Amino acid sequence: MVFVKDGFSWPAFFIPFVWMIWHRLWLALVTYVVVAAGLAGIGYLSGFPDSLATLLGLLINLFFGLEGNNFRRRSLARRGYHEVADIVASDREEAAWRYFAVRQQPESA
């Protein structure tokens, strides 16, 4: 069982390479490396100023911060996991408590 946050992922924004390796998101990691290397190569060959290269890097990281958890959900689905519930909670522990509290209630006939 895996609980995945729905929303912005700060670790995916600040350290996307490490975050994707940690969560074994190999396809997203390859995409990240290809896009980042491609933009760096284009920037180097066309003489982009450093500030523009930095901005493009931040935009790539922003995208992965916004979509990182969705990549994680899709990766888990490919590995055979099934999404069974959406839980609104302030943190992972509260989400686990709410999920298991609902699952332990007897079904009424």
PDB file of N, CA and C in Angstrom:
ATOM      1  N   MET A   1       0.843  -1.161   0.000  1.00  0.00           N
ATOM      2  CA  MET A   1       0.000   0.000   0.000  1.00  0.00           C
ATOM      3  C   MET A   1       0.894   1.232   0.000  1.00  0.00           C
ATOM      4  N   VAL A   2       0.549   2.166  -0.858  1.00  0.00           N
ATOM      5  CA  VAL A   2       1.332   3.388  -0.995  1.00  0.00           C
ATOM      6  C   VAL A   2       0.374   4.566  -0.956  1.00  0.00           C
ATOM      7  N   PHE A   3       0.693   5.553  -0.136  1.00  0.00           N
ATOM      8  CA  PHE A   3      -0.059   6.798  -0.111  1.00  0.00           C
ATOM      9  C   PHE A   3       0.714   7.823  -0.923  1.00  0.00           C
ATOM     10  N   VAL A   4       0.048   8.429  -1.911  1.00  0.00           N
ATOM     11  CA  VAL A   4       0.691   9.423  -2.769  1.00  0.00           C
ATOM     12  C   VAL A   4      -0.068  10.732  -2.638  1.00  0.00           C
ATOM     13  N   LYS A   5       0.656  11.765  -2.285  1.00  0.00           N
ATOM     14  CA  LYS A   5       0.076  13.095  -2.131  1.00  0.00           C
ATOM     15  C   LYS A   5      -0.430  13.599  -3.479  1.00  0.00           C
ATOM     16  N   ASP A   6      -1.568  14.269  -3.458  1.00  0.00           N
ATOM     17  CA  ASP A   6      -2.077  14.921  -4.661  1.00  0.00           C
ATOM     18  C   ASP A   6      -1.777  16.403  -4.515  1.00  0.00           C
ATOM     19  N   GLY A   7      -0.818  16.865  -5.243  1.00  0.00           N
ATOM     20  CA  GLY A   7      -0.450  18.277  -5.148  1.00  0.00           C
ATOM     21  C   GLY A   7       1.023  18.464  -5.456  1.00  0.00           C
ATOM     22  N   PHE A   8       1.500  19.665  -5.174  1.00  0.00           N
ATOM     23  CA  PHE A   8       2.866  20.053  -5.491  1.00  0.00           C
ATOM     24  C   PHE A   8       3.858  19.248  -4.654  1.00  0.00           C
ATOM     25  N   SER A   9       4.926  18.803  -5.305  1.00  0.00           N
ATOM     26  CA  SER A   9       5.981  18.050  -4.622  1.00  0.00           C
ATOM     27  C   SER A   9       7.232  18.920  -4.526  1.00  0.00           C
ATOM     28  N   TRP A  10       7.510  19.407  -3.332  1.00  0.00           N
ATOM     29  CA  TRP A  10       8.688  20.251  -3.133  1.00  0.00           C
ATOM     30  C   TRP A  10       9.988  19.507  -3.409  1.00  0.00           C
ATOM     31  N   PRO A  11      10.132  18.254  -2.959  1.00  0.00           N
ATOM     32  CA  PRO A  11      11.377  17.554  -3.294  1.00  0.00           C
ATOM     33  C   PRO A  11      11.567  17.380  -4.806  1.00  0.00           C
ATOM     34  N   ALA A  12      10.470  17.136  -5.537  1.00  0.00           N
ATOM     35  CA  ALA A  12      10.570  17.000  -6.991  1.00  0.00           C
ATOM     36  C   ALA A  12      10.959  18.329  -7.636  1.00  0.00           C
ATOM     37  N   PHE A  13      10.633  19.430  -6.993  1.00  0.00           N
ATOM     38  CA  PHE A  13      11.015  20.749  -7.500  1.00  0.00           C
ATOM     39  C   PHE A  13      12.477  21.058  -7.199  1.00  0.00           C
ATOM     40  N   PHE A  14      12.903  20.835  -5.958  1.00  0.00           N
ATOM     41  CA  PHE A  14      14.254  21.214  -5.555  1.00  0.00           C
ATOM     42  C   PHE A  14      15.339  20.229  -5.983  1.00  0.00           C
ATOM     43  N   ILE A  15      15.043  18.939  -5.895  1.00  0.00           N
ATOM     44  CA  ILE A  15      16.036  17.919  -6.255  1.00  0.00           C
ATOM     45  C   ILE A  15      15.377  16.842  -7.126  1.00  0.00           C
ATOM     46  N   PRO A  16      14.936  17.214  -8.327  1.00  0.00           N
ATOM     47  CA  PRO A  16      14.166  16.276  -9.143  1.00  0.00           C
ATOM     48  C   PRO A  16      14.918  15.002  -9.503  1.00  0.00           C
ATOM     49  N   PHE A  17      16.206  15.120  -9.786  1.00  0.00           N
ATOM     50  CA  PHE A  17      16.988  13.952 -10.182  1.00  0.00           C
ATOM     51  C   PHE A  17      16.995  12.914  -9.056  1.00  0.00           C
ATOM     52  N   VAL A  18      17.307  13.352  -7.857  1.00  0.00           N
ATOM     53  CA  VAL A  18      17.355  12.453  -6.692  1.00  0.00           C
ATOM     54  C   VAL A  18      15.960  11.927  -6.371  1.00  0.00           C
ATOM     55  N   TRP A  19      14.959  12.787  -6.443  1.00  0.00           N
ATOM     56  CA  TRP A  19      13.583  12.398  -6.123  1.00  0.00           C
ATOM     57  C   TRP A  19      13.095  11.303  -7.068  1.00  0.00           C
ATOM     58  N   MET A  20      13.392  11.436  -8.357  1.00  0.00           N
ATOM     59  CA  MET A  20      12.952  10.430  -9.326  1.00  0.00           C
ATOM     60  C   MET A  20      13.695   9.108  -9.134  1.00  0.00           C
ATOM     61  N   ILE A  21      14.972   9.160  -8.802  1.00  0.00           N
ATOM     62  CA  ILE A  21      15.695   7.923  -8.506  1.00  0.00           C
ATOM     63  C   ILE A  21      15.125   7.263  -7.260  1.00  0.00           C
ATOM     64  N   TRP A  22      14.859   8.050  -6.227  1.00  0.00           N
ATOM     65  CA  TRP A  22      14.316   7.525  -4.966  1.00  0.00           C
ATOM     66  C   TRP A  22      12.995   6.790  -5.193  1.00  0.00           C
ATOM     67  N   HIS A  23      12.146   7.351  -6.049  1.00  0.00           N
ATOM     68  CA  HIS A  23      10.829   6.748  -6.303  1.00  0.00           C
ATOM     69  C   HIS A  23      10.833   5.820  -7.520  1.00  0.00           C
ATOM     70  N   ARG A  24      11.986   5.548  -8.073  1.00  0.00           N
ATOM     71  CA  ARG A  24      12.160   4.649  -9.212  1.00  0.00           C
ATOM     72  C   ARG A  24      11.292   5.047 -10.407  1.00  0.00           C
ATOM     73  N   LEU A  25      11.315   6.320 -10.726  1.00  0.00           N
ATOM     74  CA  LEU A  25      10.565   6.846 -11.866  1.00  0.00           C
ATOM     75  C   LEU A  25      11.517   6.963 -13.056  1.00  0.00           C
ATOM     76  N   TRP A  26      11.849   5.820 -13.621  1.00  0.00           N
ATOM     77  CA  TRP A  26      12.896   5.781 -14.641  1.00  0.00           C
ATOM     78  C   TRP A  26      12.504   6.508 -15.921  1.00  0.00           C
ATOM     79  N   LEU A  27      11.281   6.356 -16.358  1.00  0.00           N
ATOM     80  CA  LEU A  27      10.844   7.029 -17.586  1.00  0.00           C
ATOM     81  C   LEU A  27      10.840   8.547 -17.392  1.00  0.00           C
ATOM     82  N   ALA A  28      10.360   9.000 -16.256  1.00  0.00           N
ATOM     83  CA  ALA A  28      10.377  10.441 -15.964  1.00  0.00           C
ATOM     84  C   ALA A  28      11.810  10.942 -15.845  1.00  0.00           C
ATOM     85  N   LEU A  29      12.676  10.138 -15.271  1.00  0.00           N
ATOM     86  CA  LEU A  29      14.082  10.522 -15.127  1.00  0.00           C
ATOM     87  C   LEU A  29      14.751  10.662 -16.495  1.00  0.00           C
ATOM     88  N   VAL A  30      14.512   9.714 -17.375  1.00  0.00           N
ATOM     89  CA  VAL A  30      15.078   9.797 -18.726  1.00  0.00           C
ATOM     90  C   VAL A  30      14.541  11.036 -19.440  1.00  0.00           C
ATOM     91  N   THR A  31      13.244  11.300 -19.303  1.00  0.00           N
ATOM     92  CA  THR A  31      12.643  12.485 -19.909  1.00  0.00           C
ATOM     93  C   THR A  31      13.294  13.754 -19.364  1.00  0.00           C
ATOM     94  N   TYR A  32      13.467  13.805 -18.047  1.00  0.00           N
ATOM     95  CA  TYR A  32      14.087  14.968 -17.407  1.00  0.00           C
ATOM     96  C   TYR A  32      15.499  15.192 -17.938  1.00  0.00           C
ATOM     97  N   VAL A  33      16.290  14.136 -17.988  1.00  0.00           N
ATOM     98  CA  VAL A  33      17.676  14.257 -18.436  1.00  0.00           C
ATOM     99  C   VAL A  33      17.732  14.694 -19.903  1.00  0.00           C
ATOM    100  N   VAL A  34      16.892  14.108 -20.749  1.00  0.00           N
ATOM    101  CA  VAL A  34      16.892  14.455 -22.178  1.00  0.00           C
ATOM    102  C   VAL A  34      16.474  15.914 -22.375  1.00  0.00           C
ATOM    103  N   VAL A  35      15.414  16.334 -21.685  1.00  0.00           N
ATOM    104  CA  VAL A  35      14.945  17.719 -21.841  1.00  0.00           C
ATOM    105  C   VAL A  35      15.987  18.699 -21.298  1.00  0.00           C
ATOM    106  N   ALA A  36      16.521  18.425 -20.105  1.00  0.00           N
ATOM    107  CA  ALA A  36      17.511  19.327 -19.514  1.00  0.00           C
ATOM    108  C   ALA A  36      18.776  19.390 -20.376  1.00  0.00           C
ATOM    109  N   ALA A  37      19.244  18.238 -20.838  1.00  0.00           N
ATOM    110  CA  ALA A  37      20.449  18.220 -21.678  1.00  0.00           C
ATOM    111  C   ALA A  37      20.171  18.900 -23.015  1.00  0.00           C
ATOM    112  N   GLY A  38      19.006  18.666 -23.570  1.00  0.00           N
ATOM    113  CA  GLY A  38      18.643  19.308 -24.837  1.00  0.00           C
ATOM    114  C   GLY A  38      18.602  20.819 -24.713  1.00  0.00           C
ATOM    115  N   LEU A  39      17.963  21.308 -23.644  1.00  0.00           N
ATOM    116  CA  LEU A  39      17.902  22.757 -23.451  1.00  0.00           C
ATOM    117  C   LEU A  39      19.284  23.340 -23.164  1.00  0.00           C
ATOM    118  N   ALA A  40      20.097  22.610 -22.410  1.00  0.00           N
ATOM    119  CA  ALA A  40      21.463  23.091 -22.141  1.00  0.00           C
ATOM    120  C   ALA A  40      22.268  23.140 -23.435  1.00  0.00           C
ATOM    121  N   GLY A  41      22.128  22.116 -24.269  1.00  0.00           N
ATOM    122  CA  GLY A  41      22.839  22.100 -25.541  1.00  0.00           C
ATOM    123  C   GLY A  41      22.395  23.205 -26.464  1.00  0.00           C
ATOM    124  N   ILE A  42      21.096  23.391 -26.560  1.00  0.00           N
ATOM    125  CA  ILE A  42      20.556  24.466 -27.407  1.00  0.00           C
ATOM    126  C   ILE A  42      21.018  25.819 -26.884  1.00  0.00           C
ATOM    127  N   GLY A  43      20.966  25.981 -25.565  1.00  0.00           N
ATOM    128  CA  GLY A  43      21.406  27.247 -24.973  1.00  0.00           C
ATOM    129  C   GLY A  43      22.874  27.518 -25.219  1.00  0.00           C
ATOM    130  N   TYR A  44      23.674  26.488 -25.116  1.00  0.00           N
ATOM    131  CA  TYR A  44      25.120  26.650 -25.341  1.00  0.00           C
ATOM    132  C   TYR A  44      25.410  26.990 -26.801  1.00  0.00           C
ATOM    133  N   LEU A  45      24.772  26.272 -27.715  1.00  0.00           N
ATOM    134  CA  LEU A  45      25.034  26.491 -29.137  1.00  0.00           C
ATOM    135  C   LEU A  45      24.499  27.830 -29.643  1.00  0.00           C
ATOM    136  N   SER A  46      23.391  28.288 -29.074  1.00  0.00           N
ATOM    137  CA  SER A  46      22.811  29.537 -29.555  1.00  0.00           C
ATOM    138  C   SER A  46      23.242  30.743 -28.724  1.00  0.00           C
ATOM    139  N   GLY A  47      23.986  30.505 -27.642  1.00  0.00           N
ATOM    140  CA  GLY A  47      24.513  31.618 -26.853  1.00  0.00           C
ATOM    141  C   GLY A  47      23.488  32.282 -25.950  1.00  0.00           C
ATOM    142  N   PHE A  48      22.545  31.505 -25.415  1.00  0.00           N
ATOM    143  CA  PHE A  48      21.587  32.076 -24.461  1.00  0.00           C
ATOM    144  C   PHE A  48      22.340  32.690 -23.283  1.00  0.00           C
ATOM    145  N   PRO A  49      21.835  33.779 -22.742  1.00  0.00           N
ATOM    146  CA  PRO A  49      22.450  34.304 -21.523  1.00  0.00           C
ATOM    147  C   PRO A  49      22.215  33.333 -20.349  1.00  0.00           C
ATOM    148  N   ASP A  50      23.095  33.379 -19.371  1.00  0.00           N
ATOM    149  CA  ASP A  50      22.990  32.465 -18.232  1.00  0.00           C
ATOM    150  C   ASP A  50      21.673  32.611 -17.490  1.00  0.00           C
ATOM    151  N   SER A  51      21.144  33.842 -17.426  1.00  0.00           N
ATOM    152  CA  SER A  51      19.888  34.053 -16.703  1.00  0.00           C
ATOM    153  C   SER A  51      18.727  33.318 -17.393  1.00  0.00           C
ATOM    154  N   LEU A  52      18.745  33.267 -18.718  1.00  0.00           N
ATOM    155  CA  LEU A  52      17.696  32.545 -19.441  1.00  0.00           C
ATOM    156  C   LEU A  52      17.839  31.040 -19.229  1.00  0.00           C
ATOM    157  N   ALA A  53      19.055  30.542 -19.218  1.00  0.00           N
ATOM    158  CA  ALA A  53      19.287  29.120 -18.964  1.00  0.00           C
ATOM    159  C   ALA A  53      18.817  28.746 -17.563  1.00  0.00           C
ATOM    160  N   THR A  54      19.078  29.610 -16.595  1.00  0.00           N
ATOM    161  CA  THR A  54      18.620  29.368 -15.224  1.00  0.00           C
ATOM    162  C   THR A  54      17.101  29.360 -15.161  1.00  0.00           C
ATOM    163  N   LEU A  55      16.466  30.292 -15.840  1.00  0.00           N
ATOM    164  CA  LEU A  55      15.003  30.360 -15.862  1.00  0.00           C
ATOM    165  C   LEU A  55      14.410  29.102 -16.491  1.00  0.00           C
ATOM    166  N   LEU A  56      14.993  28.629 -17.588  1.00  0.00           N
ATOM    167  CA  LEU A  56      14.507  27.401 -18.223  1.00  0.00           C
ATOM    168  C   LEU A  56      14.671  26.201 -17.290  1.00  0.00           C
ATOM    169  N   GLY A  57      15.777  26.141 -16.575  1.00  0.00           N
ATOM    170  CA  GLY A  57      15.976  25.065 -15.595  1.00  0.00           C
ATOM    171  C   GLY A  57      14.933  25.111 -14.495  1.00  0.00           C
ATOM    172  N   LEU A  58      14.624  26.302 -14.012  1.00  0.00           N
ATOM    173  CA  LEU A  58      13.592  26.439 -12.982  1.00  0.00           C
ATOM    174  C   LEU A  58      12.213  26.053 -13.509  1.00  0.00           C
ATOM    175  N   LEU A  59      11.948  26.369 -14.768  1.00  0.00           N
ATOM    176  CA  LEU A  59      10.656  25.991 -15.358  1.00  0.00           C
ATOM    177  C   LEU A  59      10.528  24.469 -15.481  1.00  0.00           C
ATOM    178  N   ILE A  60      11.622  23.815 -15.852  1.00  0.00           N
ATOM    179  CA  ILE A  60      11.600  22.350 -15.913  1.00  0.00           C
ATOM    180  C   ILE A  60      11.330  21.781 -14.525  1.00  0.00           C
ATOM    181  N   ASN A  61      12.025  22.311 -13.518  1.00  0.00           N
ATOM    182  CA  ASN A  61      11.824  21.836 -12.147  1.00  0.00           C
ATOM    183  C   ASN A  61      10.411  22.138 -11.660  1.00  0.00           C
ATOM    184  N   LEU A  62       9.869  23.290 -12.039  1.00  0.00           N
ATOM    185  CA  LEU A  62       8.495  23.626 -11.663  1.00  0.00           C
ATOM    186  C   LEU A  62       7.519  22.612 -12.253  1.00  0.00           C
ATOM    187  N   PHE A  63       7.734  22.260 -13.510  1.00  0.00           N
ATOM    188  CA  PHE A  63       6.872  21.254 -14.139  1.00  0.00           C
ATOM    189  C   PHE A  63       6.915  19.936 -13.370  1.00  0.00           C
ATOM    190  N   PHE A  64       8.129  19.486 -13.011  1.00  0.00           N
ATOM    191  CA  PHE A  64       8.238  18.223 -12.277  1.00  0.00           C
ATOM    192  C   PHE A  64       7.700  18.356 -10.864  1.00  0.00           C
ATOM    193  N   GLY A  65       7.781  19.524 -10.262  1.00  0.00           N
ATOM    194  CA  GLY A  65       7.167  19.737  -8.961  1.00  0.00           C
ATOM    195  C   GLY A  65       5.648  19.632  -9.038  1.00  0.00           C
ATOM    196  N   LEU A  66       5.086  20.170 -10.109  1.00  0.00           N
ATOM    197  CA  LEU A  66       3.634  20.129 -10.287  1.00  0.00           C
ATOM    198  C   LEU A  66       3.135  18.743 -10.692  1.00  0.00           C
ATOM    199  N   GLU A  67       3.872  18.054 -11.539  1.00  0.00           N
ATOM    200  CA  GLU A  67       3.412  16.787 -12.098  1.00  0.00           C
ATOM    201  C   GLU A  67       4.093  15.554 -11.508  1.00  0.00           C
ATOM    202  N   GLY A  68       5.045  15.731 -10.630  1.00  0.00           N
ATOM    203  CA  GLY A  68       5.808  14.608 -10.101  1.00  0.00           C
ATOM    204  C   GLY A  68       4.962  13.522  -9.466  1.00  0.00           C
ATOM    205  N   ASN A  69       4.000  13.917  -8.649  1.00  0.00           N
ATOM    206  CA  ASN A  69       3.156  12.911  -8.000  1.00  0.00           C
ATOM    207  C   ASN A  69       2.250  12.198  -8.992  1.00  0.00           C
ATOM    208  N   ASN A  70       1.867  12.881 -10.069  1.00  0.00           N
ATOM    209  CA  ASN A  70       1.102  12.199 -11.116  1.00  0.00           C
ATOM    210  C   ASN A  70       1.965  11.171 -11.839  1.00  0.00           C
ATOM    211  N   PHE A  71       3.233  11.527 -12.095  1.00  0.00           N
ATOM    212  CA  PHE A  71       4.157  10.545 -12.672  1.00  0.00           C
ATOM    213  C   PHE A  71       4.291   9.343 -11.750  1.00  0.00           C
ATOM    214  N   ARG A  72       4.345   9.620 -10.458  1.00  0.00           N
ATOM    215  CA  ARG A  72       4.491   8.539  -9.481  1.00  0.00           C
ATOM    216  C   ARG A  72       3.265   7.628  -9.479  1.00  0.00           C
ATOM    217  N   ARG A  73       2.069   8.214  -9.542  1.00  0.00           N
ATOM    218  CA  ARG A  73       0.836   7.410  -9.583  1.00  0.00           C
ATOM    219  C   ARG A  73       0.795   6.531 -10.834  1.00  0.00           C
ATOM    220  N   ARG A  74       1.164   7.096 -11.975  1.00  0.00           N
ATOM    221  CA  ARG A  74       1.159   6.309 -13.214  1.00  0.00           C
ATOM    222  C   ARG A  74       2.188   5.184 -13.163  1.00  0.00           C
ATOM    223  N   SER A  75       3.336   5.463 -12.584  1.00  0.00           N
ATOM    224  CA  SER A  75       4.372   4.432 -12.449  1.00  0.00           C
ATOM    225  C   SER A  75       3.887   3.301 -11.546  1.00  0.00           C
ATOM    226  N   LEU A  76       3.229   3.637 -10.457  1.00  0.00           N
ATOM    227  CA  LEU A  76       2.692   2.611  -9.561  1.00  0.00           C
ATOM    228  C   LEU A  76       1.609   1.790 -10.267  1.00  0.00           C
ATOM    229  N   ALA A  77       0.784   2.447 -11.072  1.00  0.00           N
ATOM    230  CA  ALA A  77      -0.261   1.728 -11.808  1.00  0.00           C
ATOM    231  C   ALA A  77       0.352   0.747 -12.798  1.00  0.00           C
ATOM    232  N   ARG A  78       1.448   1.142 -13.455  1.00  0.00           N
ATOM    233  CA  ARG A  78       2.126   0.223 -14.375  1.00  0.00           C
ATOM    234  C   ARG A  78       2.724  -0.973 -13.639  1.00  0.00           C
ATOM    235  N   ARG A  79       3.065  -0.787 -12.372  1.00  0.00           N
ATOM    236  CA  ARG A  79       3.624  -1.885 -11.579  1.00  0.00           C
ATOM    237  C   ARG A  79       2.559  -2.750 -10.930  1.00  0.00           C
ATOM    238  N   GLY A  80       1.282  -2.468 -11.192  1.00  0.00           N
ATOM    239  CA  GLY A  80       0.216  -3.325 -10.699  1.00  0.00           C
ATOM    240  C   GLY A  80      -0.564  -2.781  -9.519  1.00  0.00           C
ATOM    241  N   TYR A  81      -0.238  -1.604  -9.041  1.00  0.00           N
ATOM    242  CA  TYR A  81      -0.996  -1.007  -7.938  1.00  0.00           C
ATOM    243  C   TYR A  81      -2.315  -0.464  -8.480  1.00  0.00           C
ATOM    244  N   HIS A  82      -3.330  -0.433  -7.626  1.00  0.00           N
ATOM    245  CA  HIS A  82      -4.636   0.085  -8.000  1.00  0.00           C
ATOM    246  C   HIS A  82      -5.007   1.212  -7.051  1.00  0.00           C
ATOM    247  N   GLU A  83      -5.537   2.280  -7.612  1.00  0.00           N
ATOM    248  CA  GLU A  83      -5.996   3.385  -6.773  1.00  0.00           C
ATOM    249  C   GLU A  83      -7.343   2.991  -6.179  1.00  0.00           C
ATOM    250  N   VAL A  84      -7.432   3.034  -4.859  1.00  0.00           N
ATOM    251  CA  VAL A  84      -8.657   2.579  -4.214  1.00  0.00           C
ATOM    252  C   VAL A  84      -9.393   3.684  -3.472  1.00  0.00           C
ATOM    253  N   ALA A  85      -8.736   4.798  -3.195  1.00  0.00           N
ATOM    254  CA  ALA A  85      -9.426   5.850  -2.448  1.00  0.00           C
ATOM    255  C   ALA A  85      -8.714   7.184  -2.618  1.00  0.00           C
ATOM    256  N   ASP A  86      -9.496   8.246  -2.475  1.00  0.00           N
ATOM    257  CA  ASP A  86      -8.966   9.601  -2.351  1.00  0.00           C
ATOM    258  C   ASP A  86      -9.267  10.053  -0.933  1.00  0.00           C
ATOM    259  N   ILE A  87      -8.233  10.389  -0.202  1.00  0.00           N
ATOM    260  CA  ILE A  87      -8.384  10.778   1.189  1.00  0.00           C
ATOM    261  C   ILE A  87      -7.918  12.217   1.335  1.00  0.00           C
ATOM    262  N   VAL A  88      -8.755  13.040   1.982  1.00  0.00           N
ATOM    263  CA  VAL A  88      -8.372  14.412   2.263  1.00  0.00           C
ATOM    264  C   VAL A  88      -7.800  14.439   3.672  1.00  0.00           C
ATOM    265  N   ALA A  89      -6.526  14.820   3.768  1.00  0.00           N
ATOM    266  CA  ALA A  89      -5.855  14.854   5.059  1.00  0.00           C
ATOM    267  C   ALA A  89      -4.713  15.860   5.000  1.00  0.00           C
ATOM    268  N   SER A  90      -4.243  16.265   6.175  1.00  0.00           N
ATOM    269  CA  SER A  90      -3.167  17.254   6.223  1.00  0.00           C
ATOM    270  C   SER A  90      -1.785  16.632   6.094  1.00  0.00           C
ATOM    271  N   ASP A  91      -1.658  15.336   6.388  1.00  0.00           N
ATOM    272  CA  ASP A  91      -0.368  14.663   6.242  1.00  0.00           C
ATOM    273  C   ASP A  91      -0.598  13.172   6.006  1.00  0.00           C
ATOM    274  N   ARG A  92       0.485  12.439   5.784  1.00  0.00           N
ATOM    275  CA  ARG A  92       0.401  11.013   5.457  1.00  0.00           C
ATOM    276  C   ARG A  92      -0.196  10.197   6.612  1.00  0.00           C
ATOM    277  N   GLU A  93       0.183  10.536   7.832  1.00  0.00           N
ATOM    278  CA  GLU A  93      -0.316   9.785   8.988  1.00  0.00           C
ATOM    279  C   GLU A  93      -1.832   9.930   9.133  1.00  0.00           C
ATOM    280  N   GLU A  94      -2.321  11.149   8.985  1.00  0.00           N
ATOM    281  CA  GLU A  94      -3.767  11.363   9.056  1.00  0.00           C
ATOM    282  C   GLU A  94      -4.486  10.641   7.921  1.00  0.00           C
ATOM    283  N   ALA A  95      -3.896  10.643   6.731  1.00  0.00           N
ATOM    284  CA  ALA A  95      -4.488   9.924   5.603  1.00  0.00           C
ATOM    285  C   ALA A  95      -4.587   8.438   5.905  1.00  0.00           C
ATOM    286  N   ALA A  96      -3.537   7.865   6.493  1.00  0.00           N
ATOM    287  CA  ALA A  96      -3.565   6.443   6.849  1.00  0.00           C
ATOM    288  C   ALA A  96      -4.644   6.172   7.884  1.00  0.00           C
ATOM    289  N   TRP A  97      -4.731   7.009   8.907  1.00  0.00           N
ATOM    290  CA  TRP A  97      -5.768   6.822   9.928  1.00  0.00           C
ATOM    291  C   TRP A  97      -7.158   6.862   9.307  1.00  0.00           C
ATOM    292  N   ARG A  98      -7.417   7.851   8.473  1.00  0.00           N
ATOM    293  CA  ARG A  98      -8.747   7.972   7.855  1.00  0.00           C
ATOM    294  C   ARG A  98      -9.051   6.790   6.934  1.00  0.00           C
ATOM    295  N   TYR A  99      -8.070   6.375   6.173  1.00  0.00           N
ATOM    296  CA  TYR A  99      -8.277   5.255   5.255  1.00  0.00           C
ATOM    297  C   TYR A  99      -8.622   3.984   6.021  1.00  0.00           C
ATOM    298  N   PHE A 100      -7.827   3.658   7.028  1.00  0.00           N
ATOM    299  CA  PHE A 100      -8.054   2.419   7.765  1.00  0.00           C
ATOM    300  C   PHE A 100      -9.296   2.496   8.655  1.00  0.00           C
ATOM    301  N   ALA A 101      -9.667   3.679   9.113  1.00  0.00           N
ATOM    302  CA  ALA A 101     -10.892   3.822   9.910  1.00  0.00           C
ATOM    303  C   ALA A 101     -12.120   3.500   9.062  1.00  0.00           C
ATOM    304  N   VAL A 102     -12.125   3.947   7.829  1.00  0.00           N
ATOM    305  CA  VAL A 102     -13.252   3.663   6.936  1.00  0.00           C
ATOM    306  C   VAL A 102     -13.269   2.185   6.554  1.00  0.00           C
ATOM    307  N   ARG A 103     -12.103   1.588   6.325  1.00  0.00           N
ATOM    308  CA  ARG A 103     -12.025   0.174   5.914  1.00  0.00           C
ATOM    309  C   ARG A 103     -12.442  -0.774   7.025  1.00  0.00           C
ATOM    310  N   GLN A 104     -12.289  -0.369   8.292  1.00  0.00           N
ATOM    311  CA  GLN A 104     -12.612  -1.250   9.398  1.00  0.00           C
ATOM    312  C   GLN A 104     -14.063  -1.175   9.836  1.00  0.00           C
ATOM    313  N   GLN A 105     -14.816  -0.212   9.310  1.00  0.00           N
ATOM    314  CA  GLN A 105     -16.219  -0.110   9.664  1.00  0.00           C
ATOM    315  C   GLN A 105     -16.980  -1.264   9.042  1.00  0.00           C
ATOM    316  N   PRO A 106     -17.871  -1.901   9.815  1.00  0.00           N
ATOM    317  CA  PRO A 106     -18.660  -3.009   9.243  1.00  0.00           C
ATOM    318  C   PRO A 106     -19.621  -2.489   8.175  1.00  0.00           C
ATOM    319  N   GLU A 107     -19.768  -3.257   7.130  1.00  0.00           N
ATOM    320  CA  GLU A 107     -20.700  -2.879   6.064  1.00  0.00           C
ATOM    321  C   GLU A 107     -22.111  -3.148   6.523  1.00  0.00           C
ATOM    322  N   SER A 108     -22.999  -2.193   6.273  1.00  0.00           N
ATOM    323  CA  SER A 108     -24.405  -2.387   6.655  1.00  0.00           C
ATOM    324  C   SER A 108     -25.133  -3.031   5.488  1.00  0.00           C
ATOM    325  N   ALA A 109     -26.033  -3.924   5.843  1.00  0.00           N
ATOM    326  CA  ALA A 109     -26.750  -4.683   4.818  1.00  0.00           C
ATOM    327  C   ALA A 109     -27.970  -3.991   4.342  1.00  0.00           C
TER     328      ALA A 109
END
